[in-house]
Amino acid sequence: MAFEGLAERLQGTLQRVKGKGKLSEADVKEMMREVRFALIEADVNLKVVKGFVKKVSERAIGQDVMNSLTPGQQVVKIVKDELTELMGGEQSKVEFAAKSPTVIMMVGLQGAGKTTTTGKLANVLRKKNNRKPLLVAADIYRPAAIKQLETIGKQLSLPVFSKGTDVSPVEIARQAIEHAKEEHLDTVIIDTAGRLHVDEELMQELKDIRALKEPDEVFLVVDAMTGQDAVNVAQSFNELLGISGVILTKLDGDTRGGAALSVRSVTEKPIKFVGMGEKLDALEAFYPERMASRILGMGDMLSLIEKAQTNIDEEKAKELEEKFRTQSFTFDDFLDQLGQVKQMGPLDEILKMMPGAGKIKGLENAKVDESQMGRVEAIIYSMTPQEKTNPEVINANRRRRIAKGSGTTIQDVNRLLKQFEDMKKMMKQMSNMNQKGKKKGKMPNLDAFFK
């Protein structure tokens, strides 16, 4: 995951000053030296590093911090504030046209993930903004790109406008906008051609498409894993074409995160979305404050809640609460919950969004063994309907049969049965407490099952 190295260094540095009752100028200088090294290691643009360190130092050495009762905590807050500001301050939303259709141009170099991101963006706008998008295949130089966009359109059940490779990209874009008007589609997303590098021919073609109808958004798609090259590409595209925002792809990969911290400052254009995986729903709106919190180990509860709201059925949650209260929760219900948790994404990434996760030793390198989840499922699938509903009937012979049928051990079966009973008791207590406080039911805590 991006930022891991940076997060570890910054959290370690800030932890040393956080609990101090008194802070000297020397303490601040030493801390800022460490912060500078951490940012440079993360491949943040040198000019950006200097500006960031200068701002934090000036605020940290101020009298209101030095004379406060908790100067260390004040410094941590300053670092978070400046980190948030560095990445754009607040979330930058998509600008929709007052009169349909809204036209969005997707630009960028070949290999940045532009075509896939076009589909992901359409999916997000449909789900979050209730838009009716039209995908436009305007990369005529790469037949595979046209085919890829058509395949993505089918997977997402979204319309794709394509004229093959014999019609000019400008004409394709013009016809697509007219088609969208006729079909009452309110958002046109144009997947344009890319090159291996920025060149005059590419820029002229993009300018010609842009001249058709001033697009409401021009999104530059850049690969976060290319580090400083991503920043240089963003700068070039912005100077030659003019962009309105950036979408960073592969931010879930093994990247140091420098591009995300530099691109906003260098181009003065906001990061609008970040790609967090290969699946077509793995595109997230970029929230600078949430990202700053995650980097500093403060968690990201808002994103976690949004993931849960997106993937967890509210009606089922209410039904589940009732089952816990009446002790009628079964292994079939548990399987259903596993499925919903899996939809939220990798468990190790979800754990890292929890506040204070950064303080848990070894969590930064933790990889939840999701094969254990498969073993749990295999054990439950090996049970009869009666056993799933009434686990108390599972005697020694049945345990042997279940272990054999699931390819696990009797100890694995015993452990699951005990944990299941413990969870039922705990969730009944929580459910009763929530009822008294008139709070909503919560998802069961599944951590114990995957240790």
Protein backbone atom coordinates (compact mmCIF):
# COMPACT_ATOMS: atom_id res chain seq x y z
CA MET A 1 0.00 0.00 0.00
CA ALA A 2 1.21 3.52 -0.80
CA PHE A 3 2.71 5.67 1.98
CA GLU A 4 3.74 2.74 4.21
CA GLY A 5 7.39 3.81 4.47
CA LEU A 6 6.46 7.48 4.86
CA ALA A 7 3.78 6.65 7.44
CA GLU A 8 6.19 4.57 9.52
CA ARG A 9 8.88 7.29 9.54
CA LEU A 10 6.49 10.18 10.25
CA GLN A 11 4.61 8.32 12.98
CA GLY A 12 7.89 7.36 14.68
CA THR A 13 9.19 10.92 14.51
CA LEU A 14 5.99 12.53 15.78
CA GLN A 15 5.58 9.96 18.56
CA ARG A 16 8.85 11.14 20.08
CA VAL A 17 7.57 14.71 20.50
CA LYS A 18 3.88 13.99 21.07
CA GLY A 19 4.10 13.29 24.81
CA LYS A 20 6.61 16.04 25.62
CA GLY A 21 5.42 18.62 28.14
CA LYS A 22 7.99 21.12 26.91
CA LEU A 23 9.40 21.59 23.43
CA SER A 24 12.55 23.46 22.48
CA GLU A 25 13.52 24.95 19.15
CA ALA A 26 16.19 22.23 18.92
CA ASP A 27 13.48 19.55 19.32
CA VAL A 28 11.51 21.05 16.44
CA LYS A 29 14.61 21.30 14.22
CA GLU A 30 15.51 17.66 14.93
CA MET A 31 11.95 16.56 14.19
CA MET A 32 11.82 18.55 10.93
CA ARG A 33 15.11 17.01 9.85
CA GLU A 34 13.50 13.57 10.20
CA VAL A 35 10.34 14.74 8.42
CA ARG A 36 12.47 16.08 5.53
CA PHE A 37 14.27 12.73 5.17
CA ALA A 38 10.95 10.85 5.32
CA LEU A 39 9.42 12.98 2.53
CA ILE A 40 12.51 12.73 0.31
CA GLU A 41 12.55 8.94 0.79
CA ALA A 42 8.88 8.86 -0.25
CA ASP A 43 9.93 10.50 -3.56
CA VAL A 44 8.22 13.81 -2.84
CA ASN A 45 9.33 16.67 -5.10
CA LEU A 46 12.29 18.50 -3.47
CA LYS A 47 10.74 21.95 -3.90
CA VAL A 48 7.54 20.66 -2.26
CA VAL A 49 9.55 19.18 0.65
CA LYS A 50 11.31 22.50 1.30
CA GLY A 51 8.02 24.44 1.27
CA PHE A 52 6.32 21.93 3.58
CA VAL A 53 9.16 21.85 6.12
CA LYS A 54 9.35 25.67 6.14
CA LYS A 55 5.61 26.05 6.83
CA VAL A 56 5.52 23.44 9.60
CA SER A 57 8.68 24.84 11.24
CA GLU A 58 7.35 28.41 11.27
CA ARG A 59 4.07 27.31 12.88
CA ALA A 60 5.70 24.86 15.31
CA ILE A 61 8.17 27.41 16.70
CA GLY A 62 5.37 29.93 17.29
CA GLN A 63 4.75 31.07 20.86
CA ASP A 64 1.23 29.61 20.97
CA VAL A 65 2.74 26.14 20.48
CA MET A 66 5.84 26.49 22.64
CA ASN A 67 3.87 27.88 25.58
CA SER A 68 0.93 25.48 25.32
CA LEU A 69 0.34 22.67 27.81
CA THR A 70 0.62 20.02 25.07
CA PRO A 71 3.18 21.35 22.55
CA GLY A 72 3.95 17.89 21.14
CA GLN A 73 0.30 17.25 20.27
CA GLN A 74 0.04 20.75 18.78
CA VAL A 75 2.95 19.94 16.45
CA VAL A 76 1.25 16.70 15.35
CA LYS A 77 -1.88 18.73 14.53
CA ILE A 78 0.20 21.24 12.54
CA VAL A 79 1.81 18.42 10.52
CA LYS A 80 -1.64 16.94 9.80
CA ASP A 81 -3.04 20.34 8.78
CA GLU A 82 -0.12 21.10 6.45
CA LEU A 83 -0.16 17.58 4.99
CA THR A 84 -3.88 18.01 4.28
CA GLU A 85 -3.25 21.41 2.68
CA LEU A 86 -0.39 19.98 0.60
CA MET A 87 -2.79 17.43 -0.93
CA GLY A 88 -5.48 20.01 -1.70
CA GLY A 89 -7.13 20.96 1.59
CA GLU A 90 -10.57 19.55 0.91
CA GLN A 91 -12.22 17.10 -1.44
CA SER A 92 -12.64 18.41 -4.99
CA LYS A 93 -15.86 17.16 -6.58
CA VAL A 94 -16.68 16.58 -10.24
CA GLU A 95 -18.05 19.70 -11.96
CA PHE A 96 -21.25 18.82 -13.81
CA ALA A 97 -22.61 21.04 -16.58
CA ALA A 98 -25.77 23.06 -15.96
CA LYS A 99 -27.01 21.83 -19.34
CA SER A 100 -26.53 18.17 -20.31
CA PRO A 101 -24.43 16.45 -21.33
CA THR A 102 -21.44 16.95 -19.06
CA VAL A 103 -18.30 16.16 -21.08
CA ILE A 104 -15.28 14.60 -19.37
CA MET A 105 -12.01 14.03 -21.25
CA MET A 106 -9.69 11.32 -19.97
CA VAL A 107 -6.08 12.02 -20.97
CA GLY A 108 -2.70 10.56 -20.09
CA LEU A 109 0.21 8.47 -21.26
CA GLN A 110 -0.12 4.91 -22.51
CA GLY A 111 0.04 2.35 -19.70
CA ALA A 112 -1.32 4.59 -16.92
CA GLY A 113 -4.62 2.66 -16.80
CA LYS A 114 -6.70 5.29 -18.61
CA THR A 115 -9.20 2.97 -20.32
CA THR A 116 -9.94 0.96 -17.17
CA THR A 117 -10.20 4.18 -15.17
CA THR A 118 -12.72 5.52 -17.71
CA GLY A 119 -14.98 2.58 -16.88
CA LYS A 120 -14.36 2.90 -13.14
CA LEU A 121 -15.22 6.61 -13.22
CA ALA A 122 -18.47 5.96 -15.10
CA ASN A 123 -19.36 3.34 -12.49
CA VAL A 124 -18.67 5.74 -9.59
CA LEU A 125 -20.67 8.60 -11.16
CA ARG A 126 -23.61 6.29 -11.82
CA LYS A 127 -23.63 4.94 -8.25
CA LYS A 128 -22.73 8.05 -6.26
CA ASN A 129 -24.20 10.83 -8.43
CA ASN A 130 -27.04 9.00 -10.16
CA ARG A 131 -25.59 9.90 -13.58
CA LYS A 132 -26.28 8.19 -16.93
CA PRO A 133 -22.83 7.89 -18.52
CA LEU A 134 -21.80 7.16 -22.11
CA LEU A 135 -18.30 5.70 -22.60
CA VAL A 136 -16.58 6.93 -25.78
CA ALA A 137 -13.83 4.87 -27.45
CA ALA A 138 -11.70 7.61 -29.08
CA ASP A 139 -8.33 5.82 -29.00
CA ILE A 140 -8.26 4.72 -32.66
CA TYR A 141 -4.55 3.87 -32.64
CA ARG A 142 -4.93 0.96 -30.28
CA PRO A 143 -7.72 -1.41 -31.37
CA ALA A 144 -7.20 -3.27 -28.07
CA ALA A 145 -8.27 -0.10 -26.21
CA ILE A 146 -11.57 0.01 -28.11
CA LYS A 147 -12.19 -3.68 -27.44
CA GLN A 148 -11.23 -3.22 -23.78
CA LEU A 149 -13.68 -0.32 -23.32
CA GLU A 150 -16.47 -2.31 -24.99
CA THR A 151 -15.78 -5.24 -22.65
CA ILE A 152 -15.82 -2.93 -19.61
CA GLY A 153 -19.10 -1.42 -20.85
CA LYS A 154 -20.66 -4.90 -21.02
CA GLN A 155 -19.40 -5.83 -17.54
CA LEU A 156 -20.90 -2.64 -16.09
CA SER A 157 -24.01 -2.64 -18.30
CA LEU A 158 -23.07 0.82 -19.59
CA PRO A 159 -23.38 2.06 -23.21
CA VAL A 160 -20.18 2.46 -25.25
CA PHE A 161 -19.96 4.70 -28.34
CA SER A 162 -17.46 3.36 -30.87
CA LYS A 163 -16.79 3.96 -34.56
CA GLY A 164 -13.80 1.65 -34.92
CA THR A 165 -10.40 2.84 -36.15
CA ASP A 166 -11.31 4.50 -39.48
CA VAL A 167 -13.05 7.60 -38.10
CA SER A 168 -11.01 10.44 -36.59
CA PRO A 169 -11.07 10.83 -32.78
CA VAL A 170 -12.45 14.37 -33.16
CA GLU A 171 -15.37 13.12 -35.26
CA ILE A 172 -16.01 10.23 -32.86
CA ALA A 173 -16.18 12.69 -29.96
CA ARG A 174 -18.52 15.01 -31.90
CA GLN A 175 -20.90 12.20 -32.83
CA ALA A 176 -20.79 10.79 -29.29
CA ILE A 177 -21.93 14.10 -27.80
CA GLU A 178 -24.83 14.26 -30.29
CA HIS A 179 -25.70 10.62 -29.53
CA ALA A 180 -25.76 11.35 -25.80
CA LYS A 181 -28.22 14.22 -26.35
CA GLU A 182 -30.51 11.99 -28.44
CA GLU A 183 -30.43 9.16 -25.89
CA HIS A 184 -30.77 11.48 -22.86
CA LEU A 185 -27.43 10.38 -21.44
CA ASP A 186 -26.16 13.15 -19.17
CA THR A 187 -22.42 12.36 -18.95
CA VAL A 188 -20.00 11.73 -21.84
CA ILE A 189 -16.64 10.26 -20.80
CA ILE A 190 -14.11 10.27 -23.67
CA ASP A 191 -11.24 7.78 -23.52
CA THR A 192 -8.55 9.49 -25.63
CA ALA A 193 -5.33 8.10 -27.07
CA GLY A 194 -2.09 8.00 -25.13
CA ARG A 195 1.56 7.79 -26.13
CA LEU A 196 4.64 6.52 -24.37
CA HIS A 197 5.68 10.15 -23.92
CA VAL A 198 4.26 13.66 -24.32
CA ASP A 199 4.51 14.75 -27.98
CA GLU A 200 3.19 17.51 -30.24
CA GLU A 201 0.94 15.25 -32.34
CA LEU A 202 -0.83 13.85 -29.26
CA MET A 203 -1.37 17.29 -27.77
CA GLN A 204 -2.79 18.70 -31.01
CA GLU A 205 -5.31 15.87 -31.26
CA LEU A 206 -6.40 16.42 -27.66
CA LYS A 207 -6.69 20.18 -28.26
CA ASP A 208 -8.89 19.51 -31.33
CA ILE A 209 -11.22 17.27 -29.29
CA ARG A 210 -11.30 19.92 -26.59
CA ALA A 211 -12.22 22.60 -29.13
CA LEU A 212 -15.42 20.71 -30.12
CA LYS A 213 -17.14 21.62 -26.87
CA GLU A 214 -15.28 23.01 -23.89
CA PRO A 215 -15.19 19.93 -21.61
CA ASP A 216 -16.47 20.34 -18.09
CA GLU A 217 -13.56 18.27 -16.80
CA VAL A 218 -10.20 17.19 -18.25
CA PHE A 219 -8.88 14.41 -16.03
CA LEU A 220 -5.25 13.42 -16.30
CA VAL A 221 -4.73 9.75 -15.40
CA VAL A 222 -1.26 9.10 -13.99
CA ASP A 223 0.35 5.99 -12.57
CA ALA A 224 1.34 6.70 -8.93
CA MET A 225 4.02 4.01 -9.16
CA THR A 226 6.08 6.13 -11.57
CA GLY A 227 6.94 8.53 -8.74
CA GLN A 228 8.43 11.86 -9.84
CA ASP A 229 7.78 11.00 -13.51
CA ALA A 230 4.06 11.17 -12.68
CA VAL A 231 4.55 14.73 -11.43
CA ASN A 232 6.53 15.70 -14.54
CA VAL A 233 3.82 14.24 -16.81
CA ALA A 234 1.13 16.13 -14.89
CA GLN A 235 3.07 19.37 -15.24
CA SER A 236 3.55 18.88 -19.00
CA PHE A 237 -0.12 18.02 -19.67
CA ASN A 238 -1.27 20.96 -17.57
CA GLU A 239 0.99 23.44 -19.36
CA LEU A 240 0.25 22.18 -22.89
CA LEU A 241 -3.42 21.19 -22.62
CA GLY A 242 -4.82 22.51 -19.36
CA ILE A 243 -6.25 19.92 -16.99
CA SER A 244 -8.91 20.31 -14.32
CA GLY A 245 -7.91 17.42 -12.10
CA VAL A 246 -5.80 14.31 -11.64
CA ILE A 247 -6.71 10.66 -11.12
CA LEU A 248 -3.88 8.64 -9.54
CA THR A 249 -3.94 4.93 -10.39
CA LYS A 250 -2.24 2.05 -8.54
CA LEU A 251 -2.15 3.88 -5.21
CA ASP A 252 -2.73 0.46 -3.62
CA GLY A 253 0.52 -0.84 -5.10
CA ASP A 254 4.09 -0.75 -3.84
CA THR A 255 4.49 2.99 -4.33
CA ARG A 256 6.15 5.44 -1.97
CA GLY A 257 3.31 7.95 -2.36
CA GLY A 258 5.45 10.92 -3.42
CA ALA A 259 3.30 11.59 -6.49
CA ALA A 260 0.15 12.05 -4.39
CA LEU A 261 1.96 14.54 -2.14
CA SER A 262 3.61 16.45 -5.00
CA VAL A 263 1.18 16.59 -7.91
CA ARG A 264 -1.30 19.01 -6.31
CA SER A 265 1.41 21.43 -5.26
CA VAL A 266 3.25 21.36 -8.60
CA THR A 267 0.22 21.64 -10.92
CA GLU A 268 -2.17 23.49 -8.56
CA LYS A 269 -4.82 21.06 -9.83
CA PRO A 270 -6.67 18.78 -7.39
CA ILE A 271 -6.45 15.02 -7.14
CA LYS A 272 -10.07 14.02 -7.76
CA PHE A 273 -9.93 10.22 -7.52
CA VAL A 274 -7.48 7.44 -6.65
CA GLY A 275 -7.37 3.90 -8.02
CA MET A 276 -7.14 1.40 -5.16
CA GLY A 277 -7.20 -1.93 -7.01
CA GLU A 278 -7.96 -3.65 -10.30
CA LYS A 279 -11.68 -4.27 -9.80
CA LEU A 280 -14.12 -1.95 -11.57
CA ASP A 281 -15.41 -0.59 -8.26
CA ALA A 282 -11.90 0.18 -6.96
CA LEU A 283 -11.92 3.93 -7.60
CA GLU A 284 -12.37 6.25 -4.62
CA ALA A 285 -12.95 9.98 -4.26
CA PHE A 286 -9.79 11.57 -2.87
CA TYR A 287 -10.12 13.22 0.55
CA PRO A 288 -6.88 15.02 1.55
CA GLU A 289 -7.75 15.15 5.26
CA ARG A 290 -8.60 11.44 5.41
CA MET A 291 -5.37 10.55 3.61
CA ALA A 292 -3.35 12.75 5.99
CA SER A 293 -5.01 10.99 8.95
CA ARG A 294 -4.10 7.58 7.53
CA ILE A 295 -0.49 8.60 6.89
CA LEU A 296 -0.18 9.81 10.49
CA GLY A 297 -1.78 6.67 11.93
CA MET A 298 -5.00 8.38 13.01
CA GLY A 299 -7.20 6.02 11.03
CA ASP A 300 -9.87 6.78 8.45
CA MET A 301 -13.21 5.95 10.02
CA LEU A 302 -15.25 7.98 7.51
CA SER A 303 -13.96 5.92 4.56
CA LEU A 304 -14.49 2.73 6.55
CA ILE A 305 -18.11 3.72 7.30
CA GLU A 306 -18.69 4.57 3.62
CA LYS A 307 -17.32 1.18 2.58
CA ALA A 308 -19.68 -0.51 5.04
CA GLN A 309 -22.66 1.55 3.84
CA THR A 310 -21.88 0.64 0.23
CA ASN A 311 -21.39 -3.08 0.80
CA ILE A 312 -23.62 -3.94 3.76
CA ASP A 313 -27.34 -4.34 3.31
CA GLU A 314 -29.15 -2.22 5.93
CA GLU A 315 -32.23 -4.43 5.97
CA LYS A 316 -30.06 -7.48 6.57
CA ALA A 317 -28.25 -5.62 9.37
CA LYS A 318 -31.58 -4.97 11.13
CA GLU A 319 -32.60 -8.59 10.61
CA LEU A 320 -29.26 -9.67 12.02
CA GLU A 321 -29.67 -7.57 15.15
CA GLU A 322 -33.03 -9.24 15.81
CA LYS A 323 -31.43 -12.69 15.37
CA PHE A 324 -28.69 -11.87 17.86
CA ARG A 325 -31.25 -10.65 20.39
CA THR A 326 -33.36 -13.78 20.04
CA GLN A 327 -30.33 -16.12 19.85
CA SER A 328 -31.48 -17.38 16.42
CA PHE A 329 -28.25 -16.45 14.58
CA THR A 330 -27.06 -19.45 12.53
CA PHE A 331 -23.98 -20.46 10.56
CA ASP A 332 -25.90 -19.59 7.35
CA ASP A 333 -26.23 -16.02 8.67
CA PHE A 334 -22.54 -16.05 9.48
CA LEU A 335 -21.69 -17.09 5.90
CA ASP A 336 -23.79 -14.22 4.61
CA GLN A 337 -21.84 -11.81 6.85
CA LEU A 338 -18.52 -13.17 5.58
CA GLY A 339 -19.63 -12.44 2.02
CA GLN A 340 -20.49 -8.83 2.90
CA VAL A 341 -17.18 -8.28 4.71
CA LYS A 342 -15.23 -9.67 1.74
CA GLN A 343 -16.92 -7.14 -0.55
CA MET A 344 -15.44 -4.29 1.52
CA GLY A 345 -11.94 -5.16 0.29
CA PRO A 346 -8.79 -6.81 1.69
CA LEU A 347 -9.10 -7.26 5.46
CA ASP A 348 -5.58 -5.94 6.16
CA GLU A 349 -6.47 -2.66 4.39
CA ILE A 350 -9.72 -2.37 6.36
CA LEU A 351 -7.83 -2.91 9.65
CA LYS A 352 -5.40 -0.10 8.79
CA MET A 353 -8.30 2.36 8.55
CA MET A 354 -9.04 1.89 12.25
CA PRO A 355 -7.89 4.75 14.53
CA GLY A 356 -4.70 3.84 16.39
CA ALA A 357 -3.88 1.05 13.93
CA GLY A 358 -0.47 2.62 13.37
CA LYS A 359 0.43 1.98 17.02
CA ILE A 360 -0.10 -1.78 16.69
CA LYS A 361 3.34 -3.26 16.30
CA GLY A 362 3.83 -5.06 13.01
CA LEU A 363 0.45 -4.04 11.54
CA GLU A 364 2.13 -2.07 8.75
CA ASN A 365 3.51 -5.38 7.44
CA ALA A 366 0.50 -7.44 8.48
CA LYS A 367 -1.23 -9.51 5.87
CA VAL A 368 -4.46 -11.07 7.04
CA ASP A 369 -4.47 -14.70 5.91
CA GLU A 370 -7.60 -14.65 3.78
CA SER A 371 -7.14 -18.36 3.08
CA GLN A 372 -8.24 -18.80 6.72
CA MET A 373 -11.54 -17.25 5.70
CA GLY A 374 -11.75 -19.96 3.03
CA ARG A 375 -11.16 -22.64 5.68
CA VAL A 376 -13.94 -21.22 7.84
CA GLU A 377 -16.29 -21.28 4.85
CA ALA A 378 -15.25 -24.86 4.00
CA ILE A 379 -16.05 -26.03 7.55
CA ILE A 380 -19.51 -24.42 7.45
CA TYR A 381 -20.27 -25.80 3.97
CA SER A 382 -19.43 -29.28 5.29
CA MET A 383 -22.20 -29.04 7.89
CA THR A 384 -25.73 -30.32 7.37
CA PRO A 385 -28.64 -27.82 7.44
CA GLN A 386 -29.50 -29.08 10.93
CA GLU A 387 -25.93 -28.55 12.17
CA LYS A 388 -25.80 -25.00 10.78
CA THR A 389 -29.03 -24.12 12.58
CA ASN A 390 -28.35 -26.04 15.82
CA PRO A 391 -24.56 -26.35 16.34
CA GLU A 392 -25.17 -27.98 19.74
CA VAL A 393 -26.00 -31.27 17.92
CA ILE A 394 -22.42 -31.49 16.59
CA ASN A 395 -20.94 -34.37 18.61
CA ALA A 396 -17.50 -36.01 18.27
CA ASN A 397 -18.50 -38.16 15.24
CA ARG A 398 -20.01 -35.18 13.44
CA ARG A 399 -16.87 -33.10 14.15
CA ARG A 400 -14.71 -35.81 12.58
CA ARG A 401 -16.98 -35.90 9.50
CA ILE A 402 -16.98 -32.10 9.13
CA ALA A 403 -13.18 -31.92 9.48
CA LYS A 404 -12.71 -34.62 6.85
CA GLY A 405 -15.24 -33.04 4.48
CA SER A 406 -13.64 -29.58 4.74
CA GLY A 407 -10.01 -30.71 4.57
CA THR A 408 -9.32 -29.26 8.03
CA THR A 409 -8.58 -30.69 11.48
CA ILE A 410 -10.93 -31.50 14.38
CA GLN A 411 -9.12 -28.73 16.31
CA ASP A 412 -10.09 -26.24 13.56
CA VAL A 413 -13.73 -27.31 13.82
CA ASN A 414 -13.67 -27.11 17.64
CA ARG A 415 -12.11 -23.63 17.51
CA LEU A 416 -14.76 -22.33 15.08
CA LEU A 417 -17.62 -23.74 17.16
CA LYS A 418 -16.26 -22.12 20.33
CA GLN A 419 -15.63 -18.77 18.65
CA PHE A 420 -19.10 -18.86 17.12
CA GLU A 421 -20.72 -19.39 20.54
CA ASP A 422 -18.56 -16.67 22.13
CA MET A 423 -19.48 -14.25 19.36
CA LYS A 424 -23.21 -14.98 19.75
CA LYS A 425 -23.03 -14.20 23.48
CA MET A 426 -21.03 -11.02 22.92
CA MET A 427 -23.29 -9.79 20.12
CA LYS A 428 -26.42 -10.48 22.19
CA GLN A 429 -25.01 -8.26 24.94
CA MET A 430 -24.08 -5.53 22.42
CA SER A 431 -27.49 -5.77 20.78
CA ASN A 432 -29.25 -5.36 24.12
CA MET A 433 -27.04 -2.38 24.97
CA ASN A 434 -27.74 -0.79 21.57
CA GLN A 435 -31.47 -1.27 22.10
CA LYS A 436 -31.35 0.48 25.45
CA GLY A 437 -29.39 3.33 23.87
CA LYS A 438 -31.56 3.19 20.74
CA LYS A 439 -28.54 2.70 18.52
CA LYS A 440 -28.34 0.74 15.31
CA GLY A 441 -27.09 -2.85 15.26
CA LYS A 442 -23.51 -3.37 14.21
CA MET A 443 -21.66 -5.91 12.15
CA PRO A 444 -20.24 -8.76 14.22
CA ASN A 445 -16.53 -8.54 14.99
CA LEU A 446 -15.01 -11.20 12.76
CA ASP A 447 -11.34 -10.60 13.66
CA ALA A 448 -11.04 -13.62 15.96
CA PHE A 449 -11.93 -16.03 13.17
CA PHE A 450 -8.92 -15.10 11.03
CA LYS A 451 -6.09 -15.15 13.59
